[in-house]
Amino acid sequence: MGLQVVWSFALAILDGIALVKKKVLHNPVLVSLYVVGDWVTALLSLAAASSSGGIAVLYFNDLGSCGLGEECQKYQLAVALAFLGWVAVSISFLIMLWLFAAG
């Protein structure tokens, strides 16, 4: 997820520079770079969320060692938020893919 933070920050800076200079970023090479970058970060986010979900199933169901209720709820919330983060990144990827196809 650290790569996602760096990628999003870099795109935010690029968008800010484009707004200040009043440039349009619809260059086909740049849009294809955005599509590939969002695709890679979406796949990595899905892998992280899926592995966290697998560990949660192993830890809570198979091992049965969920003695602390608050700790279990925090971990389950973290896994749920990881999947919600993946949904947001996937929507970004689909929008970029649509822009690439339209341009």
Protein backbone atom coordinates (compact mmCIF):
# COMPACT_ATOMS: atom_id res chain seq x y z
CA MET A 1 0.00 0.00 0.00
CA GLY A 2 3.05 2.24 0.29
CA LEU A 3 3.35 2.19 -3.50
CA GLN A 4 -0.26 3.37 -3.72
CA VAL A 5 0.52 6.35 -1.49
CA VAL A 6 3.54 7.33 -3.60
CA TRP A 7 1.61 6.86 -6.86
CA SER A 8 -1.36 8.93 -5.67
CA PHE A 9 0.89 11.68 -4.31
CA ALA A 10 2.83 11.88 -7.58
CA LEU A 11 -0.42 12.14 -9.56
CA ALA A 12 -1.71 14.83 -7.21
CA ILE A 13 1.45 16.88 -7.71
CA LEU A 14 1.25 16.40 -11.48
CA ASP A 15 -2.39 17.52 -11.46
CA GLY A 16 -1.50 20.55 -9.35
CA ILE A 17 1.27 21.57 -11.72
CA ALA A 18 -1.08 21.13 -14.68
CA LEU A 19 -3.68 23.34 -13.01
CA VAL A 20 -1.18 26.07 -12.20
CA LYS A 21 0.26 26.07 -15.73
CA LYS A 22 -3.21 25.57 -17.26
CA LYS A 23 -2.09 22.58 -19.35
CA VAL A 24 -4.25 19.69 -20.48
CA LEU A 25 -2.96 16.22 -19.57
CA HIS A 26 -4.76 14.29 -22.30
CA ASN A 27 -1.56 13.22 -24.00
CA PRO A 28 -2.04 9.56 -25.09
CA VAL A 29 1.34 8.57 -23.68
CA LEU A 30 0.54 10.10 -20.28
CA VAL A 31 -2.93 8.57 -20.16
CA SER A 32 -1.52 5.13 -21.00
CA LEU A 33 1.02 5.59 -18.21
CA TYR A 34 -1.85 6.43 -15.82
CA VAL A 35 -3.77 3.35 -16.96
CA VAL A 36 -0.81 1.03 -16.41
CA GLY A 37 0.06 2.62 -13.07
CA ASP A 38 -3.51 2.38 -11.80
CA TRP A 39 -3.74 -1.21 -13.06
CA VAL A 40 -0.57 -2.20 -11.20
CA THR A 41 -1.59 -0.49 -7.98
CA ALA A 42 -5.10 -2.00 -8.23
CA LEU A 43 -3.66 -5.49 -8.55
CA LEU A 44 -1.26 -4.96 -5.67
CA SER A 45 -4.05 -3.55 -3.50
CA LEU A 46 -6.22 -6.58 -4.29
CA ALA A 47 -3.34 -8.89 -3.40
CA ALA A 48 -2.80 -7.10 -0.08
CA ALA A 49 -6.50 -7.13 0.80
CA SER A 50 -6.89 -10.79 -0.17
CA SER A 51 -3.87 -11.90 1.82
CA SER A 52 -5.13 -9.93 4.84
CA GLY A 53 -8.51 -11.59 4.48
CA GLY A 54 -6.87 -15.01 4.27
CA ILE A 55 -4.89 -14.35 7.43
CA ALA A 56 -8.07 -13.17 9.16
CA VAL A 57 -9.86 -16.43 8.25
CA LEU A 58 -6.88 -18.48 9.39
CA TYR A 59 -6.50 -16.57 12.64
CA PHE A 60 -10.15 -16.36 13.65
CA ASN A 61 -11.80 -19.51 12.25
CA ASP A 62 -9.07 -22.12 11.88
CA LEU A 63 -6.95 -21.33 14.92
CA GLY A 64 -9.82 -20.09 17.04
CA SER A 65 -7.53 -17.76 18.96
CA CYS A 66 -9.64 -14.63 19.11
CA GLY A 67 -9.67 -14.13 22.84
CA LEU A 68 -9.60 -10.36 22.76
CA GLY A 69 -12.79 -9.00 21.22
CA GLU A 70 -11.44 -5.52 20.58
CA GLU A 71 -8.33 -6.80 18.78
CA CYS A 72 -10.46 -9.00 16.52
CA GLN A 73 -12.74 -6.11 15.60
CA LYS A 74 -9.78 -3.88 14.76
CA TYR A 75 -8.27 -6.51 12.47
CA GLN A 76 -11.59 -7.20 10.76
CA LEU A 77 -12.11 -3.47 10.25
CA ALA A 78 -8.62 -3.16 8.74
CA VAL A 79 -9.36 -5.98 6.28
CA ALA A 80 -12.71 -4.41 5.34
CA LEU A 81 -11.04 -1.04 4.75
CA ALA A 82 -8.36 -2.71 2.63
CA PHE A 83 -11.08 -4.09 0.36
CA LEU A 84 -12.80 -0.69 0.22
CA GLY A 85 -9.46 0.86 -0.74
CA TRP A 86 -9.15 -1.69 -3.53
CA VAL A 87 -12.63 -0.75 -4.78
CA ALA A 88 -11.61 2.91 -4.93
CA VAL A 89 -8.40 2.13 -6.82
CA SER A 90 -10.29 -0.13 -9.22
CA ILE A 91 -12.78 2.63 -9.97
CA SER A 92 -9.86 4.95 -10.70
CA PHE A 93 -8.39 2.34 -13.05
CA LEU A 94 -11.68 1.94 -14.90
CA ILE A 95 -12.05 5.71 -15.31
CA MET A 96 -8.51 5.99 -16.68
CA LEU A 97 -9.15 3.06 -19.02
CA TRP A 98 -12.31 4.81 -20.24
CA LEU A 99 -10.37 8.05 -20.82
CA PHE A 100 -7.69 6.12 -22.68
CA ALA A 101 -10.28 4.43 -24.91
CA ALA A 102 -12.13 7.70 -25.53
CA GLY A 103 -9.00 9.68 -26.38
